[in-house]
Amino acid sequence: MLHPLLRRLLLTGLPALLVASVVVTTIWGRHGLLERLELERELSHANAHLAAIERDNQRLQLDLHQMDEDPVVLERIAADELTWAKPGTVLYRFEDDEPKHP
């Protein structure tokens, strides 16, 4: 038979230790609350990044469609990007005084 003090310690200490370990695992464990919050934050960031990429993709698809349908749009893009124009055309180019910094 166990000593009464040891028995009492086992009956109260063991469940308390078990509850404490469950709480610690729930919060800081591999699949705990803190990791879940971090994963939700990463998912939110990835979704925002994906939405920005999809907006850019839609804009580029619209540009591509306009270039296919309207030769004037293609000429304007060539003039803007390549400083190209039809023979006899005068291009005016305005630049900022201050250089752009990324």
N, C-alpha and C. Protein backbone atom coordinates (compact mmCIF):
# COMPACT_ATOMS: atom_id res chain seq x y z
N MET A 1 0.84 -1.17 0.00
CA MET A 1 0.00 0.00 0.00
C MET A 1 0.89 1.23 0.00
N LEU A 2 0.45 2.25 -0.71
CA LEU A 2 1.22 3.49 -0.82
C LEU A 2 1.02 4.35 0.40
N HIS A 3 2.03 5.10 0.68
CA HIS A 3 1.95 6.07 1.76
C HIS A 3 0.87 7.09 1.41
N PRO A 4 0.07 7.55 2.37
CA PRO A 4 -1.04 8.47 2.07
C PRO A 4 -0.60 9.76 1.37
N LEU A 5 0.54 10.26 1.75
CA LEU A 5 1.01 11.50 1.12
C LEU A 5 1.39 11.23 -0.34
N LEU A 6 2.05 10.12 -0.58
CA LEU A 6 2.43 9.75 -1.95
C LEU A 6 1.18 9.48 -2.79
N ARG A 7 0.23 8.80 -2.19
CA ARG A 7 -1.03 8.50 -2.89
C ARG A 7 -1.75 9.80 -3.25
N ARG A 8 -1.82 10.71 -2.33
CA ARG A 8 -2.49 11.99 -2.56
C ARG A 8 -1.76 12.79 -3.64
N LEU A 9 -0.45 12.76 -3.60
CA LEU A 9 0.36 13.44 -4.59
C LEU A 9 0.11 12.86 -5.98
N LEU A 10 0.02 11.56 -6.08
CA LEU A 10 -0.25 10.91 -7.35
C LEU A 10 -1.66 11.22 -7.86
N LEU A 11 -2.62 11.24 -6.98
CA LEU A 11 -4.00 11.47 -7.38
C LEU A 11 -4.27 12.92 -7.78
N THR A 12 -3.52 13.86 -7.23
CA THR A 12 -3.72 15.27 -7.61
C THR A 12 -2.65 15.76 -8.58
N GLY A 13 -1.44 15.35 -8.39
CA GLY A 13 -0.34 15.83 -9.21
C GLY A 13 -0.35 15.27 -10.62
N LEU A 14 -0.67 13.99 -10.78
CA LEU A 14 -0.68 13.37 -12.10
C LEU A 14 -1.75 13.98 -13.01
N PRO A 15 -2.99 14.13 -12.56
CA PRO A 15 -3.98 14.80 -13.43
C PRO A 15 -3.61 16.26 -13.73
N ALA A 16 -3.06 16.96 -12.76
CA ALA A 16 -2.66 18.35 -12.99
C ALA A 16 -1.55 18.42 -14.02
N LEU A 17 -0.60 17.50 -13.95
CA LEU A 17 0.48 17.44 -14.93
C LEU A 17 -0.07 17.10 -16.31
N LEU A 18 -1.03 16.20 -16.37
CA LEU A 18 -1.64 15.83 -17.63
C LEU A 18 -2.39 17.02 -18.25
N VAL A 19 -3.15 17.74 -17.45
CA VAL A 19 -3.88 18.91 -17.94
C VAL A 19 -2.90 19.98 -18.41
N ALA A 20 -1.84 20.21 -17.65
CA ALA A 20 -0.84 21.22 -18.02
C ALA A 20 -0.17 20.84 -19.34
N SER A 21 0.13 19.57 -19.53
CA SER A 21 0.78 19.16 -20.79
C SER A 21 -0.18 19.32 -21.96
N VAL A 22 -1.46 19.06 -21.77
CA VAL A 22 -2.44 19.26 -22.84
C VAL A 22 -2.54 20.74 -23.20
N VAL A 23 -2.56 21.61 -22.20
CA VAL A 23 -2.63 23.05 -22.45
C VAL A 23 -1.39 23.53 -23.20
N VAL A 24 -0.22 23.10 -22.78
CA VAL A 24 1.03 23.50 -23.43
C VAL A 24 1.04 23.01 -24.88
N THR A 25 0.65 21.78 -25.10
CA THR A 25 0.62 21.23 -26.45
C THR A 25 -0.40 21.96 -27.32
N THR A 26 -1.54 22.31 -26.75
CA THR A 26 -2.58 23.01 -27.50
C THR A 26 -2.10 24.38 -27.96
N ILE A 27 -1.35 25.06 -27.15
CA ILE A 27 -0.89 26.41 -27.49
C ILE A 27 0.40 26.39 -28.31
N TRP A 28 1.41 25.69 -27.82
CA TRP A 28 2.73 25.77 -28.44
C TRP A 28 3.13 24.52 -29.22
N GLY A 29 2.27 23.55 -29.33
CA GLY A 29 2.62 22.31 -30.00
C GLY A 29 2.73 22.46 -31.51
N ARG A 30 3.07 21.35 -32.16
CA ARG A 30 3.28 21.35 -33.61
C ARG A 30 2.04 21.81 -34.36
N HIS A 31 0.88 21.46 -33.92
CA HIS A 31 -0.37 21.89 -34.53
C HIS A 31 -1.14 22.79 -33.58
N GLY A 32 -0.42 23.54 -32.77
CA GLY A 32 -1.03 24.38 -31.76
C GLY A 32 -1.57 25.68 -32.30
N LEU A 33 -2.13 26.47 -31.39
CA LEU A 33 -2.76 27.73 -31.76
C LEU A 33 -1.78 28.72 -32.37
N LEU A 34 -0.59 28.80 -31.84
CA LEU A 34 0.38 29.76 -32.36
C LEU A 34 0.78 29.43 -33.80
N GLU A 35 0.98 28.16 -34.07
CA GLU A 35 1.32 27.76 -35.45
C GLU A 35 0.14 28.00 -36.38
N ARG A 36 -1.05 27.75 -35.90
CA ARG A 36 -2.25 27.98 -36.72
C ARG A 36 -2.39 29.46 -37.07
N LEU A 37 -2.16 30.34 -36.10
CA LEU A 37 -2.22 31.78 -36.37
C LEU A 37 -1.18 32.19 -37.40
N GLU A 38 0.02 31.64 -37.31
CA GLU A 38 1.08 31.95 -38.27
C GLU A 38 0.69 31.46 -39.67
N LEU A 39 0.13 30.27 -39.75
CA LEU A 39 -0.30 29.74 -41.05
C LEU A 39 -1.43 30.58 -41.64
N GLU A 40 -2.36 31.04 -40.80
CA GLU A 40 -3.45 31.89 -41.30
C GLU A 40 -2.90 33.22 -41.80
N ARG A 41 -1.90 33.77 -41.12
CA ARG A 41 -1.26 35.01 -41.56
C ARG A 41 -0.56 34.80 -42.91
N GLU A 42 0.15 33.70 -43.06
CA GLU A 42 0.82 33.40 -44.33
C GLU A 42 -0.20 33.20 -45.45
N LEU A 43 -1.31 32.54 -45.15
CA LEU A 43 -2.36 32.32 -46.15
C LEU A 43 -2.96 33.65 -46.59
N SER A 44 -3.21 34.53 -45.65
CA SER A 44 -3.76 35.85 -45.98
C SER A 44 -2.80 36.63 -46.88
N HIS A 45 -1.52 36.58 -46.55
CA HIS A 45 -0.51 37.27 -47.37
C HIS A 45 -0.45 36.66 -48.77
N ALA A 46 -0.48 35.34 -48.86
CA ALA A 46 -0.43 34.66 -50.16
C ALA A 46 -1.68 34.98 -50.99
N ASN A 47 -2.84 35.06 -50.35
CA ASN A 47 -4.06 35.39 -51.08
C ASN A 47 -4.02 36.83 -51.60
N ALA A 48 -3.48 37.75 -50.82
CA ALA A 48 -3.35 39.14 -51.28
C ALA A 48 -2.39 39.21 -52.46
N HIS A 49 -1.29 38.47 -52.38
CA HIS A 49 -0.31 38.44 -53.46
C HIS A 49 -0.95 37.84 -54.73
N LEU A 50 -1.71 36.77 -54.56
CA LEU A 50 -2.39 36.14 -55.69
C LEU A 50 -3.40 37.10 -56.33
N ALA A 51 -4.13 37.85 -55.52
CA ALA A 51 -5.10 38.81 -56.05
C ALA A 51 -4.39 39.89 -56.87
N ALA A 52 -3.23 40.35 -56.40
CA ALA A 52 -2.48 41.36 -57.15
C ALA A 52 -1.99 40.79 -58.48
N ILE A 53 -1.53 39.55 -58.48
CA ILE A 53 -1.07 38.90 -59.70
C ILE A 53 -2.25 38.73 -60.68
N GLU A 54 -3.41 38.35 -60.15
CA GLU A 54 -4.57 38.19 -61.02
C GLU A 54 -5.01 39.52 -61.64
N ARG A 55 -4.93 40.62 -60.87
CA ARG A 55 -5.25 41.94 -61.42
C ARG A 55 -4.27 42.31 -62.54
N ASP A 56 -2.98 42.07 -62.30
CA ASP A 56 -1.98 42.34 -63.33
C ASP A 56 -2.23 41.48 -64.58
N ASN A 57 -2.58 40.23 -64.36
CA ASN A 57 -2.86 39.33 -65.48
C ASN A 57 -4.06 39.83 -66.30
N GLN A 58 -5.11 40.27 -65.63
CA GLN A 58 -6.28 40.80 -66.35
C GLN A 58 -5.91 42.04 -67.15
N ARG A 59 -5.11 42.91 -66.54
CA ARG A 59 -4.68 44.13 -67.25
C ARG A 59 -3.86 43.76 -68.48
N LEU A 60 -2.93 42.82 -68.34
CA LEU A 60 -2.11 42.41 -69.47
C LEU A 60 -2.93 41.72 -70.56
N GLN A 61 -3.92 40.93 -70.16
CA GLN A 61 -4.79 40.31 -71.15
C GLN A 61 -5.60 41.35 -71.91
N LEU A 62 -6.06 42.39 -71.21
CA LEU A 62 -6.78 43.47 -71.87
C LEU A 62 -5.85 44.20 -72.85
N ASP A 63 -4.61 44.47 -72.42
CA ASP A 63 -3.63 45.12 -73.30
C ASP A 63 -3.39 44.27 -74.55
N LEU A 64 -3.23 42.98 -74.36
CA LEU A 64 -3.00 42.06 -75.47
C LEU A 64 -4.19 42.05 -76.43
N HIS A 65 -5.37 42.01 -75.88
CA HIS A 65 -6.58 42.04 -76.72
C HIS A 65 -6.65 43.34 -77.50
N GLN A 66 -6.36 44.46 -76.84
CA GLN A 66 -6.40 45.76 -77.53
C GLN A 66 -5.34 45.83 -78.63
N MET A 67 -4.16 45.26 -78.38
CA MET A 67 -3.13 45.26 -79.42
C MET A 67 -3.55 44.42 -80.62
N ASP A 68 -4.23 43.31 -80.36
CA ASP A 68 -4.70 42.45 -81.46
C ASP A 68 -5.81 43.13 -82.27
N GLU A 69 -6.66 43.89 -81.60
CA GLU A 69 -7.83 44.46 -82.25
C GLU A 69 -7.60 45.84 -82.88
N ASP A 70 -6.69 46.63 -82.31
CA ASP A 70 -6.56 48.03 -82.75
C ASP A 70 -5.09 48.34 -83.05
N PRO A 71 -4.72 48.53 -84.31
CA PRO A 71 -3.33 48.82 -84.66
C PRO A 71 -2.84 50.14 -84.08
N VAL A 72 -3.74 51.08 -83.81
CA VAL A 72 -3.33 52.35 -83.21
C VAL A 72 -2.79 52.13 -81.80
N VAL A 73 -3.42 51.23 -81.08
CA VAL A 73 -2.93 50.91 -79.72
C VAL A 73 -1.54 50.31 -79.81
N LEU A 74 -1.32 49.42 -80.76
CA LEU A 74 0.00 48.81 -80.94
C LEU A 74 1.05 49.87 -81.28
N GLU A 75 0.69 50.82 -82.14
CA GLU A 75 1.62 51.90 -82.48
C GLU A 75 1.93 52.77 -81.26
N ARG A 76 0.90 53.03 -80.43
CA ARG A 76 1.12 53.85 -79.24
C ARG A 76 2.05 53.15 -78.26
N ILE A 77 1.85 51.86 -78.08
CA ILE A 77 2.72 51.10 -77.17
C ILE A 77 4.15 51.07 -77.70
N ALA A 78 4.30 50.85 -79.01
CA ALA A 78 5.64 50.85 -79.60
C ALA A 78 6.29 52.22 -79.44
N ALA A 79 5.52 53.28 -79.61
CA ALA A 79 6.06 54.62 -79.45
C ALA A 79 6.48 54.86 -78.00
N ASP A 80 5.67 54.41 -77.04
CA ASP A 80 5.98 54.61 -75.62
C ASP A 80 7.17 53.77 -75.17
N GLU A 81 7.14 52.50 -75.52
CA GLU A 81 8.15 51.57 -75.00
C GLU A 81 9.47 51.62 -75.77
N LEU A 82 9.39 51.75 -77.09
CA LEU A 82 10.58 51.64 -77.92
C LEU A 82 11.02 52.96 -78.51
N THR A 83 10.31 54.03 -78.21
CA THR A 83 10.54 55.34 -78.81
C THR A 83 10.56 55.20 -80.33
N TRP A 84 9.53 54.56 -80.84
CA TRP A 84 9.40 54.28 -82.26
C TRP A 84 8.20 55.05 -82.81
N ALA A 85 8.31 55.50 -84.04
CA ALA A 85 7.19 56.18 -84.70
C ALA A 85 7.30 55.98 -86.20
N LYS A 86 6.24 56.27 -86.88
CA LYS A 86 6.22 56.18 -88.34
C LYS A 86 7.17 57.23 -88.91
N PRO A 87 7.74 56.98 -90.07
CA PRO A 87 8.61 57.98 -90.69
C PRO A 87 7.85 59.31 -90.89
N GLY A 88 8.53 60.40 -90.58
CA GLY A 88 7.94 61.72 -90.71
C GLY A 88 7.20 62.18 -89.48
N THR A 89 7.09 61.34 -88.45
CA THR A 89 6.39 61.71 -87.23
C THR A 89 7.39 62.29 -86.24
N VAL A 90 6.99 63.33 -85.53
CA VAL A 90 7.84 63.94 -84.51
C VAL A 90 7.38 63.43 -83.15
N LEU A 91 8.32 62.93 -82.39
CA LEU A 91 8.03 62.46 -81.04
C LEU A 91 8.53 63.48 -80.03
N TYR A 92 7.70 63.79 -79.06
CA TYR A 92 8.10 64.65 -77.95
C TYR A 92 8.19 63.77 -76.72
N ARG A 93 9.31 63.88 -76.04
CA ARG A 93 9.54 63.03 -74.88
C ARG A 93 9.82 63.92 -73.68
N PHE A 94 9.07 63.74 -72.62
CA PHE A 94 9.23 64.52 -71.40
C PHE A 94 9.70 63.58 -70.30
N GLU A 95 10.75 64.00 -69.60
CA GLU A 95 11.28 63.18 -68.52
C GLU A 95 11.26 63.97 -67.23
N ASP A 96 11.18 63.26 -66.12
CA ASP A 96 11.23 63.89 -64.81
C ASP A 96 12.64 64.40 -64.54
N ASP A 97 12.72 65.50 -63.79
CA ASP A 97 14.03 66.03 -63.42
C ASP A 97 14.73 65.13 -62.40
N GLU A 98 13.94 64.57 -61.49
CA GLU A 98 14.50 63.72 -60.44
C GLU A 98 14.48 62.26 -60.87
N PRO A 99 15.58 61.55 -60.63
CA PRO A 99 15.57 60.11 -60.97
C PRO A 99 14.65 59.34 -60.04
N LYS A 100 14.05 58.28 -60.57
CA LYS A 100 13.17 57.45 -59.77
C LYS A 100 14.00 56.49 -58.94
N HIS A 101 13.60 56.34 -57.67
CA HIS A 101 14.28 55.40 -56.78
C HIS A 101 13.32 54.28 -56.45
N PRO A 102 13.80 53.02 -56.53
CA PRO A 102 12.91 51.88 -56.22
C PRO A 102 12.53 51.81 -54.77
